[in-house]
Amino acid sequence: MLYKYSDENKKIAMGFLSYISDLKDLNNLEQELKLYSEDENRQLYLWKSNIEDYSGIVALSFSNKTVFIEYISLNPSYRSQSNIFKIFDDIQQRFPELVILGNFDLSDQLAQWRQNKSKLKKDKDLEETS
C-alpha cells in the first residue's frame, strides 16, 4: 500500500533513498527530498507490503494523462518482481485514470506486468462465460 511522503517520515525516506547510488551523498539526498516537496507534479510515496513496517519508496511524476515512475527503492529483502508488481497494482489502484509509465530500468517489468494483467483478465472473462 502506498502512503504519501510527509516530513514526519523523513528519516525513513532517507534510508530508502540512500539505496540509490546517485543519492548516497547527503546533499544529493536532501536536494531530492526538497525537489519532491516543492514540485506539485512530483510525489514520493512510502510503500508497505503486507506487514507493519515500510518496505520501500516510490518516486512519481505526473502529467495530464500519465503517472511516470521515476524510481522504486526497496529494502533489499523486498526486492522481487512480485513486490514490484504489487507496487504497480497499488499505483494503478490509486490513479486509475492515468496511464503508468516508467523509467528505462522499469520498462521491461511494466511490460511483463501488463501482459500478466491482460492474461488474468482473459482467464477471468473465460471463466465467466463458461
N, C-alpha and C. Protein backbone atom coordinates (compact mmCIF):
# COMPACT_ATOMS: atom_id res chain seq x y z
N MET A 1 0.84 -1.17 0.00
CA MET A 1 0.00 0.00 0.00
C MET A 1 0.89 1.24 0.00
N LEU A 2 0.47 2.26 -0.73
CA LEU A 2 1.23 3.49 -0.84
C LEU A 2 0.75 4.53 0.15
N TYR A 3 1.70 5.21 0.78
CA TYR A 3 1.41 6.28 1.74
C TYR A 3 2.21 7.50 1.30
N LYS A 4 1.51 8.61 1.11
CA LYS A 4 2.18 9.82 0.65
C LYS A 4 3.22 10.27 1.66
N TYR A 5 4.40 10.61 1.16
CA TYR A 5 5.51 11.05 2.00
C TYR A 5 5.14 12.34 2.73
N SER A 6 5.55 12.41 3.98
CA SER A 6 5.46 13.65 4.75
C SER A 6 6.75 13.81 5.52
N ASP A 7 7.02 15.03 5.98
CA ASP A 7 8.28 15.30 6.69
C ASP A 7 8.45 14.46 7.94
N GLU A 8 7.35 13.99 8.53
CA GLU A 8 7.49 13.16 9.73
C GLU A 8 8.13 11.81 9.41
N ASN A 9 8.15 11.43 8.13
CA ASN A 9 8.77 10.18 7.70
C ASN A 9 10.11 10.42 7.00
N LYS A 10 10.71 11.57 7.24
CA LYS A 10 11.93 11.95 6.52
C LYS A 10 13.06 10.95 6.70
N LYS A 11 13.30 10.50 7.93
CA LYS A 11 14.41 9.57 8.17
C LYS A 11 14.17 8.23 7.47
N ILE A 12 12.94 7.77 7.48
CA ILE A 12 12.60 6.51 6.79
C ILE A 12 12.84 6.68 5.29
N ALA A 13 12.34 7.79 4.74
CA ALA A 13 12.52 8.05 3.31
C ALA A 13 14.00 8.14 2.96
N MET A 14 14.77 8.83 3.78
CA MET A 14 16.21 8.98 3.53
C MET A 14 16.90 7.62 3.51
N GLY A 15 16.46 6.73 4.37
CA GLY A 15 17.03 5.38 4.40
C GLY A 15 16.82 4.65 3.09
N PHE A 16 15.59 4.70 2.57
CA PHE A 16 15.30 4.02 1.30
C PHE A 16 16.00 4.72 0.13
N LEU A 17 16.03 6.05 0.15
CA LEU A 17 16.68 6.79 -0.92
C LEU A 17 18.18 6.54 -0.95
N SER A 18 18.77 6.25 0.21
CA SER A 18 20.22 6.02 0.26
C SER A 18 20.64 4.74 -0.47
N TYR A 19 19.68 3.86 -0.80
CA TYR A 19 19.99 2.67 -1.59
C TYR A 19 20.29 3.03 -3.06
N ILE A 20 19.90 4.23 -3.48
CA ILE A 20 20.10 4.67 -4.85
C ILE A 20 21.49 5.30 -4.94
N SER A 21 22.31 4.80 -5.86
CA SER A 21 23.72 5.22 -5.90
C SER A 21 23.88 6.73 -6.05
N ASP A 22 23.06 7.39 -6.85
CA ASP A 22 23.17 8.84 -7.03
C ASP A 22 22.78 9.62 -5.78
N LEU A 23 22.12 8.97 -4.84
CA LEU A 23 21.62 9.67 -3.66
C LEU A 23 22.37 9.28 -2.38
N LYS A 24 23.48 8.60 -2.52
CA LYS A 24 24.24 8.22 -1.33
C LYS A 24 24.83 9.43 -0.62
N ASP A 25 25.14 10.48 -1.38
CA ASP A 25 25.64 11.73 -0.81
C ASP A 25 24.49 12.47 -0.13
N LEU A 26 24.71 12.91 1.10
CA LEU A 26 23.66 13.56 1.89
C LEU A 26 23.11 14.81 1.21
N ASN A 27 23.96 15.59 0.55
CA ASN A 27 23.48 16.80 -0.15
C ASN A 27 22.52 16.43 -1.28
N ASN A 28 22.88 15.43 -2.08
CA ASN A 28 22.00 14.98 -3.17
C ASN A 28 20.68 14.47 -2.61
N LEU A 29 20.75 13.73 -1.53
CA LEU A 29 19.56 13.17 -0.92
C LEU A 29 18.62 14.28 -0.42
N GLU A 30 19.18 15.27 0.23
CA GLU A 30 18.38 16.40 0.73
C GLU A 30 17.77 17.19 -0.43
N GLN A 31 18.54 17.38 -1.51
CA GLN A 31 18.02 18.09 -2.68
C GLN A 31 16.86 17.31 -3.32
N GLU A 32 16.99 16.00 -3.33
CA GLU A 32 15.92 15.16 -3.89
C GLU A 32 14.63 15.31 -3.08
N LEU A 33 14.74 15.26 -1.76
CA LEU A 33 13.55 15.44 -0.92
C LEU A 33 12.95 16.83 -1.12
N LYS A 34 13.80 17.84 -1.24
CA LYS A 34 13.33 19.21 -1.46
C LYS A 34 12.59 19.31 -2.80
N LEU A 35 13.16 18.69 -3.83
CA LEU A 35 12.53 18.71 -5.15
C LEU A 35 11.11 18.15 -5.09
N TYR A 36 10.96 17.02 -4.42
CA TYR A 36 9.64 16.39 -4.35
C TYR A 36 8.69 17.14 -3.41
N SER A 37 9.23 17.91 -2.50
CA SER A 37 8.38 18.71 -1.60
C SER A 37 7.88 19.98 -2.29
N GLU A 38 8.68 20.52 -3.21
CA GLU A 38 8.35 21.81 -3.82
C GLU A 38 7.63 21.71 -5.15
N ASP A 39 7.77 20.61 -5.86
CA ASP A 39 7.18 20.48 -7.20
C ASP A 39 5.85 19.72 -7.08
N GLU A 40 4.77 20.39 -7.42
CA GLU A 40 3.44 19.77 -7.27
C GLU A 40 3.21 18.62 -8.25
N ASN A 41 4.04 18.51 -9.29
CA ASN A 41 3.90 17.42 -10.25
C ASN A 41 4.75 16.20 -9.90
N ARG A 42 5.38 16.25 -8.75
CA ARG A 42 6.20 15.12 -8.28
C ARG A 42 5.76 14.75 -6.87
N GLN A 43 5.71 13.45 -6.61
CA GLN A 43 5.31 12.99 -5.28
C GLN A 43 6.10 11.75 -4.90
N LEU A 44 6.43 11.67 -3.63
CA LEU A 44 7.06 10.49 -3.07
C LEU A 44 6.02 9.72 -2.26
N TYR A 45 6.09 8.40 -2.36
CA TYR A 45 5.21 7.53 -1.59
C TYR A 45 6.04 6.46 -0.90
N LEU A 46 5.78 6.27 0.37
CA LEU A 46 6.36 5.14 1.08
C LEU A 46 5.47 3.94 0.80
N TRP A 47 6.07 2.78 0.65
CA TRP A 47 5.30 1.57 0.32
C TRP A 47 5.42 0.56 1.45
N LYS A 48 4.27 0.01 1.82
CA LYS A 48 4.22 -1.09 2.78
C LYS A 48 3.75 -2.33 2.05
N SER A 49 4.43 -3.44 2.32
CA SER A 49 3.91 -4.70 1.81
C SER A 49 2.78 -5.10 2.77
N ASN A 50 2.64 -6.34 3.06
CA ASN A 50 1.55 -6.78 3.94
C ASN A 50 1.91 -6.70 5.42
N ILE A 51 3.07 -6.15 5.72
CA ILE A 51 3.48 -6.07 7.12
C ILE A 51 3.35 -4.64 7.62
N GLU A 52 3.69 -4.43 8.88
CA GLU A 52 3.52 -3.13 9.51
C GLU A 52 4.54 -2.09 9.06
N ASP A 53 5.78 -2.51 8.82
CA ASP A 53 6.84 -1.56 8.52
C ASP A 53 6.87 -1.18 7.05
N TYR A 54 7.38 0.02 6.78
CA TYR A 54 7.58 0.43 5.39
C TYR A 54 8.65 -0.45 4.75
N SER A 55 8.45 -0.75 3.47
CA SER A 55 9.35 -1.65 2.75
C SER A 55 10.11 -0.95 1.63
N GLY A 56 9.69 0.28 1.27
CA GLY A 56 10.36 0.98 0.19
C GLY A 56 9.77 2.34 -0.07
N ILE A 57 10.28 2.98 -1.10
CA ILE A 57 9.82 4.31 -1.51
C ILE A 57 9.66 4.33 -3.02
N VAL A 58 8.68 5.08 -3.49
CA VAL A 58 8.38 5.20 -4.91
C VAL A 58 8.31 6.69 -5.25
N ALA A 59 9.03 7.09 -6.30
CA ALA A 59 9.01 8.48 -6.75
C ALA A 59 8.19 8.55 -8.03
N LEU A 60 7.18 9.40 -8.03
CA LEU A 60 6.28 9.54 -9.17
C LEU A 60 6.28 10.97 -9.68
N SER A 61 6.08 11.12 -10.98
CA SER A 61 5.83 12.44 -11.56
C SER A 61 4.58 12.32 -12.42
N PHE A 62 3.88 13.43 -12.55
CA PHE A 62 2.56 13.41 -13.16
C PHE A 62 2.46 14.38 -14.33
N SER A 63 1.69 14.00 -15.33
CA SER A 63 1.26 14.90 -16.39
C SER A 63 -0.25 14.72 -16.50
N ASN A 64 -0.86 15.29 -17.51
CA ASN A 64 -2.32 15.24 -17.62
C ASN A 64 -2.88 13.83 -17.64
N LYS A 65 -2.21 12.93 -18.37
CA LYS A 65 -2.77 11.59 -18.56
C LYS A 65 -1.87 10.47 -18.07
N THR A 66 -0.72 10.82 -17.52
CA THR A 66 0.22 9.77 -17.12
C THR A 66 0.75 9.97 -15.71
N VAL A 67 1.13 8.85 -15.13
CA VAL A 67 1.95 8.85 -13.91
C VAL A 67 3.23 8.12 -14.31
N PHE A 68 4.35 8.78 -14.11
CA PHE A 68 5.65 8.24 -14.50
C PHE A 68 6.39 7.82 -13.25
N ILE A 69 6.82 6.56 -13.22
CA ILE A 69 7.59 6.06 -12.08
C ILE A 69 9.05 6.43 -12.31
N GLU A 70 9.52 7.39 -11.53
CA GLU A 70 10.91 7.84 -11.65
C GLU A 70 11.85 6.75 -11.14
N TYR A 71 11.52 6.21 -9.98
CA TYR A 71 12.29 5.10 -9.42
C TYR A 71 11.53 4.46 -8.28
N ILE A 72 11.94 3.24 -7.98
CA ILE A 72 11.46 2.48 -6.83
C ILE A 72 12.70 2.04 -6.07
N SER A 73 12.72 2.28 -4.77
CA SER A 73 13.84 1.84 -3.95
C SER A 73 13.28 1.01 -2.80
N LEU A 74 13.64 -0.26 -2.77
CA LEU A 74 13.11 -1.18 -1.77
C LEU A 74 14.20 -1.66 -0.82
N ASN A 75 13.76 -2.00 0.38
CA ASN A 75 14.61 -2.69 1.34
C ASN A 75 15.12 -3.95 0.61
N PRO A 76 16.41 -4.29 0.73
CA PRO A 76 16.94 -5.44 -0.02
C PRO A 76 16.13 -6.73 0.13
N SER A 77 15.56 -6.98 1.28
CA SER A 77 14.80 -8.23 1.46
C SER A 77 13.44 -8.20 0.76
N TYR A 78 13.05 -7.07 0.18
CA TYR A 78 11.78 -6.97 -0.53
C TYR A 78 11.96 -6.77 -2.03
N ARG A 79 13.17 -6.90 -2.51
CA ARG A 79 13.44 -6.69 -3.93
C ARG A 79 13.10 -7.94 -4.71
N SER A 80 11.89 -7.95 -5.24
CA SER A 80 11.44 -9.08 -6.05
C SER A 80 10.45 -8.57 -7.09
N GLN A 81 10.29 -9.36 -8.14
CA GLN A 81 9.35 -8.98 -9.18
C GLN A 81 7.92 -8.93 -8.63
N SER A 82 7.58 -9.85 -7.75
CA SER A 82 6.21 -9.85 -7.22
C SER A 82 5.93 -8.57 -6.43
N ASN A 83 6.92 -8.07 -5.69
CA ASN A 83 6.71 -6.82 -4.96
C ASN A 83 6.65 -5.62 -5.91
N ILE A 84 7.46 -5.64 -6.95
CA ILE A 84 7.38 -4.56 -7.96
C ILE A 84 5.98 -4.57 -8.58
N PHE A 85 5.46 -5.76 -8.91
CA PHE A 85 4.12 -5.86 -9.48
C PHE A 85 3.07 -5.37 -8.49
N LYS A 86 3.24 -5.64 -7.20
CA LYS A 86 2.31 -5.13 -6.19
C LYS A 86 2.33 -3.61 -6.16
N ILE A 87 3.51 -3.04 -6.31
CA ILE A 87 3.62 -1.58 -6.34
C ILE A 87 2.90 -1.03 -7.57
N PHE A 88 3.10 -1.66 -8.73
CA PHE A 88 2.38 -1.23 -9.94
C PHE A 88 0.87 -1.32 -9.71
N ASP A 89 0.41 -2.40 -9.09
CA ASP A 89 -1.02 -2.55 -8.78
C ASP A 89 -1.50 -1.41 -7.88
N ASP A 90 -0.69 -1.09 -6.86
CA ASP A 90 -1.06 -0.02 -5.94
C ASP A 90 -1.13 1.33 -6.64
N ILE A 91 -0.20 1.58 -7.56
CA ILE A 91 -0.21 2.83 -8.32
C ILE A 91 -1.46 2.88 -9.20
N GLN A 92 -1.76 1.77 -9.87
CA GLN A 92 -2.95 1.73 -10.72
C GLN A 92 -4.22 1.94 -9.91
N GLN A 93 -4.27 1.35 -8.73
CA GLN A 93 -5.45 1.49 -7.88
C GLN A 93 -5.60 2.95 -7.40
N ARG A 94 -4.49 3.59 -7.07
CA ARG A 94 -4.52 4.96 -6.56
C ARG A 94 -4.83 5.97 -7.66
N PHE A 95 -4.34 5.69 -8.88
CA PHE A 95 -4.50 6.61 -10.02
C PHE A 95 -5.10 5.87 -11.22
N PRO A 96 -6.34 5.38 -11.10
CA PRO A 96 -6.90 4.52 -12.15
C PRO A 96 -7.10 5.22 -13.49
N GLU A 97 -7.21 6.53 -13.48
CA GLU A 97 -7.47 7.27 -14.73
C GLU A 97 -6.18 7.58 -15.50
N LEU A 98 -5.02 7.30 -14.91
CA LEU A 98 -3.74 7.64 -15.53
C LEU A 98 -3.05 6.41 -16.10
N VAL A 99 -2.33 6.61 -17.19
CA VAL A 99 -1.50 5.57 -17.79
C VAL A 99 -0.18 5.53 -17.02
N ILE A 100 0.25 4.34 -16.64
CA ILE A 100 1.50 4.18 -15.89
C ILE A 100 2.66 3.99 -16.86
N LEU A 101 3.65 4.84 -16.71
CA LEU A 101 4.90 4.73 -17.46
C LEU A 101 6.04 4.63 -16.46
N GLY A 102 7.19 4.19 -16.93
CA GLY A 102 8.32 4.05 -16.01
C GLY A 102 9.65 4.33 -16.68
N ASN A 103 10.65 4.48 -15.86
CA ASN A 103 12.00 4.73 -16.38
C ASN A 103 12.49 3.50 -17.17
N PHE A 104 13.61 3.66 -17.82
CA PHE A 104 14.16 2.60 -18.67
C PHE A 104 14.33 1.29 -17.91
N ASP A 105 14.79 1.36 -16.68
CA ASP A 105 15.02 0.15 -15.88
C ASP A 105 13.73 -0.59 -15.56
N LEU A 106 12.62 0.13 -15.52
CA LEU A 106 11.33 -0.48 -15.16
C LEU A 106 10.51 -0.88 -16.38
N SER A 107 10.92 -0.50 -17.58
CA SER A 107 10.08 -0.71 -18.77
C SER A 107 9.78 -2.18 -19.03
N ASP A 108 10.76 -3.07 -18.89
CA ASP A 108 10.51 -4.50 -19.11
C ASP A 108 9.55 -5.05 -18.06
N GLN A 109 9.74 -4.64 -16.80
CA GLN A 109 8.85 -5.12 -15.74
C GLN A 109 7.43 -4.59 -15.94
N LEU A 110 7.29 -3.35 -16.39
CA LEU A 110 5.95 -2.82 -16.68
C LEU A 110 5.28 -3.61 -17.80
N ALA A 111 6.05 -3.95 -18.83
CA ALA A 111 5.50 -4.74 -19.94
C ALA A 111 5.06 -6.11 -19.45
N GLN A 112 5.87 -6.77 -18.63
CA GLN A 112 5.50 -8.07 -18.08
C GLN A 112 4.26 -7.96 -17.19
N TRP A 113 4.19 -6.90 -16.39
CA TRP A 113 3.05 -6.69 -15.51
C TRP A 113 1.77 -6.51 -16.34
N ARG A 114 1.87 -5.72 -17.42
CA ARG A 114 0.70 -5.51 -18.29
C ARG A 114 0.26 -6.83 -18.95
N GLN A 115 1.24 -7.62 -19.41
CA GLN A 115 0.92 -8.91 -20.02
C GLN A 115 0.23 -9.81 -19.01
N ASN A 116 0.76 -9.84 -17.80
CA ASN A 116 0.18 -10.65 -16.74
C ASN A 116 -1.25 -10.21 -16.43
N LYS A 117 -1.47 -8.89 -16.33
CA LYS A 117 -2.80 -8.36 -16.06
C LYS A 117 -3.77 -8.73 -17.19
N SER A 118 -3.29 -8.64 -18.42
CA SER A 118 -4.11 -8.96 -19.58
C SER A 118 -4.48 -10.44 -19.59
N LYS A 119 -3.52 -11.29 -19.27
CA LYS A 119 -3.78 -12.73 -19.23
C LYS A 119 -4.77 -13.06 -18.12
N LEU A 120 -4.60 -12.45 -16.96
CA LEU A 120 -5.53 -12.69 -15.85
C LEU A 120 -6.94 -12.25 -16.21
N LYS A 121 -7.06 -11.12 -16.91
CA LYS A 121 -8.38 -10.62 -17.31
C LYS A 121 -9.01 -11.57 -18.32
N LYS A 122 -8.23 -12.06 -19.29
CA LYS A 122 -8.76 -13.01 -20.28
C LYS A 122 -9.22 -14.29 -19.59
N ASP A 123 -8.40 -14.80 -18.66
CA ASP A 123 -8.78 -16.01 -17.93
C ASP A 123 -10.06 -15.81 -17.14
N LYS A 124 -10.20 -14.66 -16.52
CA LYS A 124 -11.40 -14.36 -15.74
C LYS A 124 -12.63 -14.27 -16.65
N ASP A 125 -12.45 -13.60 -17.81
CA ASP A 125 -13.54 -13.48 -18.76
C ASP A 125 -13.98 -14.85 -19.28
N LEU A 126 -13.02 -15.75 -19.51
CA LEU A 126 -13.34 -17.09 -19.96
C LEU A 126 -14.13 -17.85 -18.91
N GLU A 127 -13.72 -17.70 -17.65
CA GLU A 127 -14.43 -18.36 -16.55
C GLU A 127 -15.88 -17.88 -16.46
N GLU A 128 -16.07 -16.59 -16.64
CA GLU A 128 -17.41 -16.02 -16.53
C GLU A 128 -18.32 -16.45 -17.67
N THR A 129 -17.76 -16.71 -18.85
CA THR A 129 -18.59 -17.11 -19.98
C THR A 129 -18.83 -18.61 -20.02
N SER A 130 -18.09 -19.37 -19.20
CA SER A 130 -18.25 -20.84 -19.19
C SER A 130 -19.44 -21.25 -18.40
